[in-house]
N, C-alpha and C. Protein backbone atom coordinates (compact mmCIF):
# COMPACT_ATOMS: atom_id res chain seq x y z
N UNK A 1 38.65 10.73 -19.41
CA UNK A 1 38.49 9.35 -19.87
C UNK A 1 38.21 8.41 -18.70
N UNK A 2 38.23 8.91 -17.47
CA UNK A 2 37.90 8.11 -16.28
C UNK A 2 38.70 6.82 -16.20
N UNK A 3 39.99 6.90 -16.51
CA UNK A 3 40.86 5.74 -16.37
C UNK A 3 40.82 4.77 -17.53
N UNK A 4 40.08 5.08 -18.58
CA UNK A 4 40.03 4.19 -19.73
C UNK A 4 40.81 4.81 -20.88
N UNK A 5 41.46 3.97 -21.66
CA UNK A 5 42.24 4.45 -22.78
C UNK A 5 41.35 5.04 -23.86
N UNK A 6 41.83 6.11 -24.49
CA UNK A 6 41.12 6.72 -25.61
C UNK A 6 41.55 6.08 -26.93
N UNK A 7 42.60 5.29 -26.90
CA UNK A 7 43.10 4.63 -28.09
C UNK A 7 42.23 3.40 -28.37
N UNK A 8 41.59 3.35 -29.56
CA UNK A 8 40.68 2.22 -29.86
C UNK A 8 41.31 0.85 -29.73
N UNK A 9 42.63 0.75 -29.96
CA UNK A 9 43.27 -0.56 -29.86
C UNK A 9 43.45 -1.01 -28.41
N UNK A 10 43.21 -0.09 -27.47
CA UNK A 10 43.34 -0.42 -26.05
C UNK A 10 42.03 -0.29 -25.29
N UNK A 11 40.92 -0.18 -26.00
CA UNK A 11 39.62 -0.01 -25.33
C UNK A 11 39.41 -1.18 -24.38
N UNK A 12 38.98 -0.86 -23.19
CA UNK A 12 38.75 -1.88 -22.17
C UNK A 12 39.89 -2.01 -21.19
N UNK A 13 41.07 -1.52 -21.55
CA UNK A 13 42.19 -1.53 -20.62
C UNK A 13 42.03 -0.39 -19.62
N UNK A 14 42.17 -0.69 -18.37
CA UNK A 14 42.03 0.33 -17.33
C UNK A 14 43.41 0.87 -16.94
N UNK A 15 43.45 2.16 -16.72
CA UNK A 15 44.66 2.80 -16.24
C UNK A 15 44.51 2.95 -14.73
N UNK A 16 45.53 2.59 -14.00
CA UNK A 16 45.49 2.70 -12.54
C UNK A 16 45.20 4.14 -12.12
N UNK A 17 44.55 4.29 -10.99
CA UNK A 17 44.29 5.62 -10.43
C UNK A 17 45.51 6.14 -9.66
N UNK A 18 46.21 5.25 -8.99
CA UNK A 18 47.37 5.57 -8.18
C UNK A 18 48.57 5.83 -9.08
N UNK A 19 49.33 6.89 -8.80
CA UNK A 19 50.46 7.24 -9.65
C UNK A 19 51.53 6.14 -9.69
N UNK A 20 51.75 5.46 -8.59
CA UNK A 20 52.71 4.35 -8.60
C UNK A 20 52.20 3.22 -9.48
N UNK A 21 50.88 3.01 -9.46
CA UNK A 21 50.28 2.00 -10.33
C UNK A 21 50.40 2.34 -11.79
N UNK A 22 50.20 3.62 -12.13
CA UNK A 22 50.36 4.06 -13.52
C UNK A 22 51.80 3.87 -13.96
N UNK A 23 52.75 4.27 -13.11
CA UNK A 23 54.16 4.11 -13.45
C UNK A 23 54.51 2.63 -13.64
N UNK A 24 53.96 1.77 -12.79
CA UNK A 24 54.20 0.33 -12.91
C UNK A 24 53.62 -0.21 -14.21
N UNK A 25 52.39 0.21 -14.54
CA UNK A 25 51.79 -0.24 -15.80
C UNK A 25 52.66 0.16 -16.99
N UNK A 26 53.13 1.39 -16.99
CA UNK A 26 53.97 1.85 -18.10
C UNK A 26 55.30 1.11 -18.13
N UNK A 27 55.92 0.91 -16.96
CA UNK A 27 57.20 0.20 -16.93
C UNK A 27 57.05 -1.20 -17.50
N UNK A 28 55.97 -1.87 -17.09
CA UNK A 28 55.75 -3.24 -17.59
C UNK A 28 55.43 -3.24 -19.09
N UNK A 29 54.59 -2.31 -19.54
CA UNK A 29 54.20 -2.27 -20.95
C UNK A 29 55.38 -1.93 -21.86
N UNK A 30 56.28 -1.07 -21.37
CA UNK A 30 57.40 -0.62 -22.19
C UNK A 30 58.66 -1.44 -21.99
N UNK A 31 58.68 -2.28 -20.95
CA UNK A 31 59.87 -3.05 -20.65
C UNK A 31 61.01 -2.16 -20.16
N UNK A 32 60.66 -1.04 -19.54
CA UNK A 32 61.65 -0.08 -19.08
C UNK A 32 62.17 -0.45 -17.69
N UNK A 33 63.36 0.03 -17.38
CA UNK A 33 63.92 -0.19 -16.04
C UNK A 33 63.42 0.85 -15.05
N UNK A 34 63.00 2.02 -15.56
CA UNK A 34 62.55 3.10 -14.68
C UNK A 34 61.52 3.95 -15.42
N UNK A 35 60.43 4.26 -14.72
CA UNK A 35 59.40 5.16 -15.25
C UNK A 35 59.02 6.13 -14.15
N UNK A 36 58.90 7.40 -14.51
CA UNK A 36 58.41 8.44 -13.60
C UNK A 36 57.22 9.11 -14.25
N UNK A 37 56.17 9.32 -13.46
CA UNK A 37 54.95 9.98 -13.92
C UNK A 37 54.70 11.15 -12.99
N UNK A 38 54.54 12.35 -13.55
CA UNK A 38 54.25 13.52 -12.72
C UNK A 38 52.81 13.95 -12.95
N UNK A 39 52.22 14.50 -11.89
CA UNK A 39 50.83 14.95 -12.00
C UNK A 39 50.57 16.13 -11.07
N UNK A 40 51.36 17.18 -11.24
CA UNK A 40 51.15 18.42 -10.51
C UNK A 40 50.93 18.24 -9.03
N UNK A 41 49.75 18.65 -8.56
CA UNK A 41 49.44 18.63 -7.13
C UNK A 41 49.32 17.22 -6.54
N UNK A 42 49.25 16.20 -7.40
CA UNK A 42 49.19 14.81 -6.91
C UNK A 42 50.57 14.24 -6.64
N UNK A 43 51.62 14.94 -7.07
CA UNK A 43 52.97 14.45 -6.85
C UNK A 43 53.48 13.65 -8.03
N UNK A 44 54.31 12.67 -7.74
CA UNK A 44 54.85 11.82 -8.81
C UNK A 44 54.82 10.36 -8.38
N UNK A 45 54.73 9.52 -9.38
CA UNK A 45 54.80 8.08 -9.17
C UNK A 45 56.03 7.55 -9.89
N UNK A 46 56.71 6.61 -9.26
CA UNK A 46 57.90 6.02 -9.87
C UNK A 46 57.81 4.51 -9.80
N UNK A 47 58.33 3.87 -10.81
CA UNK A 47 58.42 2.41 -10.82
C UNK A 47 59.78 2.04 -11.39
N UNK A 48 60.46 1.13 -10.73
CA UNK A 48 61.80 0.71 -11.16
C UNK A 48 61.90 -0.80 -11.08
N UNK A 49 62.75 -1.33 -11.92
CA UNK A 49 63.02 -2.76 -11.89
C UNK A 49 64.50 -2.94 -11.62
N UNK A 50 64.81 -3.33 -10.42
CA UNK A 50 66.19 -3.63 -10.03
C UNK A 50 66.22 -5.09 -9.66
N UNK A 51 66.79 -5.42 -8.51
CA UNK A 51 66.74 -6.80 -8.04
C UNK A 51 65.29 -7.26 -7.83
N UNK A 52 64.41 -6.29 -7.57
CA UNK A 52 62.98 -6.57 -7.43
C UNK A 52 62.20 -5.39 -8.01
N UNK A 53 60.92 -5.59 -8.27
CA UNK A 53 60.08 -4.51 -8.77
C UNK A 53 59.77 -3.54 -7.62
N UNK A 54 59.95 -2.26 -7.87
CA UNK A 54 59.73 -1.22 -6.87
C UNK A 54 58.74 -0.20 -7.41
N UNK A 55 57.94 0.38 -6.53
CA UNK A 55 57.02 1.45 -6.92
C UNK A 55 56.77 2.34 -5.71
N UNK A 56 56.63 3.63 -5.97
CA UNK A 56 56.40 4.59 -4.88
C UNK A 56 55.70 5.82 -5.41
N UNK A 57 54.99 6.48 -4.52
CA UNK A 57 54.43 7.80 -4.79
C UNK A 57 55.17 8.79 -3.91
N UNK A 58 55.61 9.88 -4.50
CA UNK A 58 56.25 10.96 -3.74
C UNK A 58 55.28 12.13 -3.77
N UNK A 59 54.74 12.51 -2.62
CA UNK A 59 53.78 13.62 -2.59
C UNK A 59 54.47 14.95 -2.85
N UNK A 60 53.66 15.95 -3.16
CA UNK A 60 54.21 17.30 -3.36
C UNK A 60 54.74 17.84 -2.04
N UNK A 61 55.59 18.83 -2.13
CA UNK A 61 56.14 19.46 -0.94
C UNK A 61 55.20 20.57 -0.49
N UNK A 62 54.92 20.66 0.81
CA UNK A 62 54.08 21.75 1.29
C UNK A 62 54.84 23.08 1.24
N UNK A 63 54.11 24.14 1.11
CA UNK A 63 54.72 25.47 1.19
C UNK A 63 55.40 25.95 -0.07
N UNK A 64 55.15 25.30 -1.20
CA UNK A 64 55.73 25.77 -2.45
C UNK A 64 54.90 26.95 -2.93
N UNK A 65 55.56 28.06 -3.18
CA UNK A 65 54.90 29.27 -3.65
C UNK A 65 54.99 29.31 -5.17
N UNK A 66 54.02 28.71 -5.84
CA UNK A 66 54.08 28.60 -7.30
C UNK A 66 53.87 29.96 -7.95
N UNK A 67 54.85 30.34 -8.77
CA UNK A 67 54.81 31.58 -9.52
C UNK A 67 54.58 31.27 -11.00
N UNK A 68 55.27 30.26 -11.50
CA UNK A 68 55.23 29.93 -12.92
C UNK A 68 55.68 28.47 -13.07
N UNK A 69 54.90 27.67 -13.75
CA UNK A 69 55.27 26.26 -13.90
C UNK A 69 56.10 25.98 -15.16
N UNK A 70 56.46 27.04 -15.90
CA UNK A 70 57.29 26.86 -17.09
C UNK A 70 58.60 26.18 -16.71
N UNK A 71 58.89 25.08 -17.35
CA UNK A 71 60.14 24.38 -17.13
C UNK A 71 60.14 23.40 -15.97
N UNK A 72 59.01 23.29 -15.25
CA UNK A 72 58.99 22.40 -14.09
C UNK A 72 59.25 20.94 -14.47
N UNK A 73 58.68 20.49 -15.56
CA UNK A 73 58.92 19.12 -16.00
C UNK A 73 60.36 18.90 -16.41
N UNK A 74 60.94 19.88 -17.09
CA UNK A 74 62.35 19.79 -17.47
C UNK A 74 63.24 19.78 -16.23
N UNK A 75 62.90 20.62 -15.25
CA UNK A 75 63.67 20.65 -14.00
C UNK A 75 63.55 19.32 -13.27
N UNK A 76 62.33 18.76 -13.21
CA UNK A 76 62.12 17.45 -12.59
C UNK A 76 63.04 16.43 -13.26
N UNK A 77 63.01 16.40 -14.58
CA UNK A 77 63.82 15.45 -15.34
C UNK A 77 65.31 15.68 -15.08
N UNK A 78 65.72 16.94 -15.02
CA UNK A 78 67.13 17.25 -14.73
C UNK A 78 67.56 16.75 -13.37
N UNK A 79 66.69 16.95 -12.36
CA UNK A 79 66.99 16.44 -11.03
C UNK A 79 67.08 14.93 -11.01
N UNK A 80 66.21 14.29 -11.80
CA UNK A 80 66.21 12.83 -11.87
C UNK A 80 67.49 12.33 -12.55
N UNK A 81 67.86 12.95 -13.67
CA UNK A 81 69.06 12.52 -14.39
C UNK A 81 70.31 12.74 -13.54
N UNK A 82 70.39 13.88 -12.85
CA UNK A 82 71.56 14.14 -11.99
C UNK A 82 71.68 13.08 -10.89
N UNK A 83 70.53 12.72 -10.31
CA UNK A 83 70.55 11.70 -9.25
C UNK A 83 70.93 10.33 -9.82
N UNK A 84 70.40 10.00 -10.98
CA UNK A 84 70.76 8.72 -11.62
C UNK A 84 72.25 8.68 -11.95
N UNK A 85 72.78 9.80 -12.41
CA UNK A 85 74.20 9.88 -12.74
C UNK A 85 75.06 9.64 -11.49
N UNK A 86 74.65 10.26 -10.39
CA UNK A 86 75.43 10.17 -9.16
C UNK A 86 75.22 8.87 -8.38
N UNK A 87 74.04 8.29 -8.48
CA UNK A 87 73.72 7.12 -7.62
C UNK A 87 73.36 5.87 -8.40
N UNK A 88 73.14 5.97 -9.69
CA UNK A 88 72.73 4.82 -10.48
C UNK A 88 71.25 4.54 -10.32
N UNK A 89 70.79 3.49 -10.97
CA UNK A 89 69.38 3.11 -10.87
C UNK A 89 69.05 2.69 -9.45
N UNK A 90 67.87 3.04 -8.97
CA UNK A 90 67.51 2.65 -7.60
C UNK A 90 67.37 1.14 -7.46
N UNK A 91 67.91 0.61 -6.37
CA UNK A 91 67.83 -0.83 -6.14
C UNK A 91 67.04 -1.16 -4.88
N UNK A 92 66.51 -0.12 -4.23
CA UNK A 92 65.71 -0.32 -3.03
C UNK A 92 64.63 0.76 -2.99
N UNK A 93 63.62 0.55 -2.16
CA UNK A 93 62.55 1.54 -2.04
C UNK A 93 63.08 2.88 -1.52
N UNK A 94 63.95 2.92 -0.51
CA UNK A 94 64.51 4.21 -0.09
C UNK A 94 65.26 4.93 -1.22
N UNK A 95 65.98 4.17 -2.06
CA UNK A 95 66.68 4.78 -3.20
C UNK A 95 65.68 5.39 -4.19
N UNK A 96 64.59 4.67 -4.44
CA UNK A 96 63.56 5.15 -5.38
C UNK A 96 62.90 6.42 -4.83
N UNK A 97 62.60 6.43 -3.55
CA UNK A 97 61.98 7.60 -2.93
C UNK A 97 62.95 8.78 -2.94
N UNK A 98 64.23 8.53 -2.69
CA UNK A 98 65.23 9.60 -2.77
C UNK A 98 65.23 10.21 -4.18
N UNK A 99 65.24 9.37 -5.19
CA UNK A 99 65.23 9.84 -6.57
C UNK A 99 64.00 10.73 -6.82
N UNK A 100 62.84 10.27 -6.39
CA UNK A 100 61.62 11.04 -6.58
C UNK A 100 61.62 12.35 -5.82
N UNK A 101 62.17 12.33 -4.61
CA UNK A 101 62.21 13.56 -3.81
C UNK A 101 63.15 14.59 -4.43
N UNK A 102 64.32 14.18 -4.89
CA UNK A 102 65.24 15.13 -5.52
C UNK A 102 64.60 15.70 -6.79
N UNK A 103 64.04 14.85 -7.63
CA UNK A 103 63.41 15.32 -8.86
C UNK A 103 62.24 16.25 -8.55
N UNK A 104 61.41 15.89 -7.59
CA UNK A 104 60.26 16.72 -7.23
C UNK A 104 60.69 18.05 -6.64
N UNK A 105 61.71 18.04 -5.79
CA UNK A 105 62.20 19.29 -5.19
C UNK A 105 62.76 20.21 -6.28
N UNK A 106 63.43 19.63 -7.27
CA UNK A 106 63.98 20.43 -8.36
C UNK A 106 62.86 21.06 -9.19
N UNK A 107 61.83 20.26 -9.51
CA UNK A 107 60.69 20.80 -10.24
C UNK A 107 59.94 21.85 -9.44
N UNK A 108 59.77 21.62 -8.14
CA UNK A 108 59.06 22.57 -7.28
C UNK A 108 59.82 23.89 -7.17
N UNK A 109 61.14 23.82 -7.03
CA UNK A 109 61.95 25.04 -6.94
C UNK A 109 61.83 25.84 -8.23
N UNK A 110 61.74 25.17 -9.36
CA UNK A 110 61.58 25.85 -10.64
C UNK A 110 60.27 26.63 -10.68
N UNK A 111 59.24 26.10 -10.05
CA UNK A 111 57.92 26.75 -10.04
C UNK A 111 57.90 28.03 -9.23
N UNK A 112 58.89 28.22 -8.39
CA UNK A 112 58.90 29.39 -7.51
C UNK A 112 59.56 30.62 -8.13
N UNK A 113 60.04 30.50 -9.36
CA UNK A 113 60.65 31.64 -10.05
C UNK A 113 59.93 31.85 -11.38
N UNK A 114 59.98 33.07 -11.86
CA UNK A 114 59.36 33.40 -13.14
C UNK A 114 60.27 32.95 -14.27
N UNK A 115 59.75 32.15 -15.16
CA UNK A 115 60.55 31.63 -16.27
C UNK A 115 61.19 30.31 -15.90
N UNK A 116 61.88 29.74 -16.87
CA UNK A 116 62.43 28.40 -16.68
C UNK A 116 63.88 28.38 -16.19
N UNK A 117 64.49 29.56 -16.02
CA UNK A 117 65.89 29.58 -15.61
C UNK A 117 66.00 29.64 -14.09
N UNK A 118 66.92 28.88 -13.51
CA UNK A 118 67.06 28.90 -12.05
C UNK A 118 67.58 30.25 -11.56
N UNK A 119 67.23 30.56 -10.33
CA UNK A 119 67.76 31.77 -9.70
C UNK A 119 69.02 31.42 -8.94
N UNK A 120 69.67 32.43 -8.38
CA UNK A 120 70.90 32.20 -7.62
C UNK A 120 70.66 31.34 -6.39
N UNK A 121 69.42 31.30 -5.90
CA UNK A 121 69.12 30.54 -4.68
C UNK A 121 68.39 29.22 -4.95
N UNK A 122 68.22 28.86 -6.21
CA UNK A 122 67.45 27.65 -6.53
C UNK A 122 68.07 26.39 -5.94
N UNK A 123 69.38 26.26 -5.97
CA UNK A 123 70.04 25.08 -5.40
C UNK A 123 69.76 24.94 -3.92
N UNK A 124 69.81 26.06 -3.20
CA UNK A 124 69.50 26.03 -1.77
C UNK A 124 68.04 25.68 -1.55
N UNK A 125 67.17 26.18 -2.42
CA UNK A 125 65.74 25.89 -2.26
C UNK A 125 65.46 24.41 -2.48
N UNK A 126 66.13 23.77 -3.43
CA UNK A 126 65.97 22.34 -3.65
C UNK A 126 66.35 21.59 -2.37
N UNK A 127 67.48 21.96 -1.78
CA UNK A 127 67.93 21.30 -0.55
C UNK A 127 66.93 21.52 0.59
N UNK A 128 66.39 22.75 0.70
CA UNK A 128 65.41 23.04 1.74
C UNK A 128 64.14 22.20 1.57
N UNK A 129 63.65 22.13 0.34
CA UNK A 129 62.43 21.34 0.08
C UNK A 129 62.68 19.87 0.38
N UNK A 130 63.81 19.34 -0.07
CA UNK A 130 64.12 17.94 0.17
C UNK A 130 64.15 17.62 1.65
N UNK A 131 64.65 18.54 2.45
CA UNK A 131 64.80 18.31 3.88
C UNK A 131 63.46 18.33 4.62
N UNK A 132 62.42 18.90 4.02
CA UNK A 132 61.11 18.99 4.70
C UNK A 132 60.45 17.65 4.86
């Protein structure tokens, strides 16, 4: 669709090319406090509304040996929810980037095993990816 909506009621509206821009557009359109958009090899974009509007792109981690992407989105979401539970909504750009990195590392670690279930070393792999 080259950045244009396929929905006839939105014809003419442009979708941002940048993942942070897409996340910001969605956050504003939905009135949400937090939006995350994933796009495989492009990484993820996040937008949050705390004391100020925040947006960031978190690139993919290098060296991920993708075996199977089954469950990667669920793992990403799980990493995001766990971080939100432990730290609350991000109120600064470093907090938002931390949230994106944990979620991305969790999704990436899921891609390195066959099937959607974590392996015995998945937790360590998430920590290793985050540290890179």
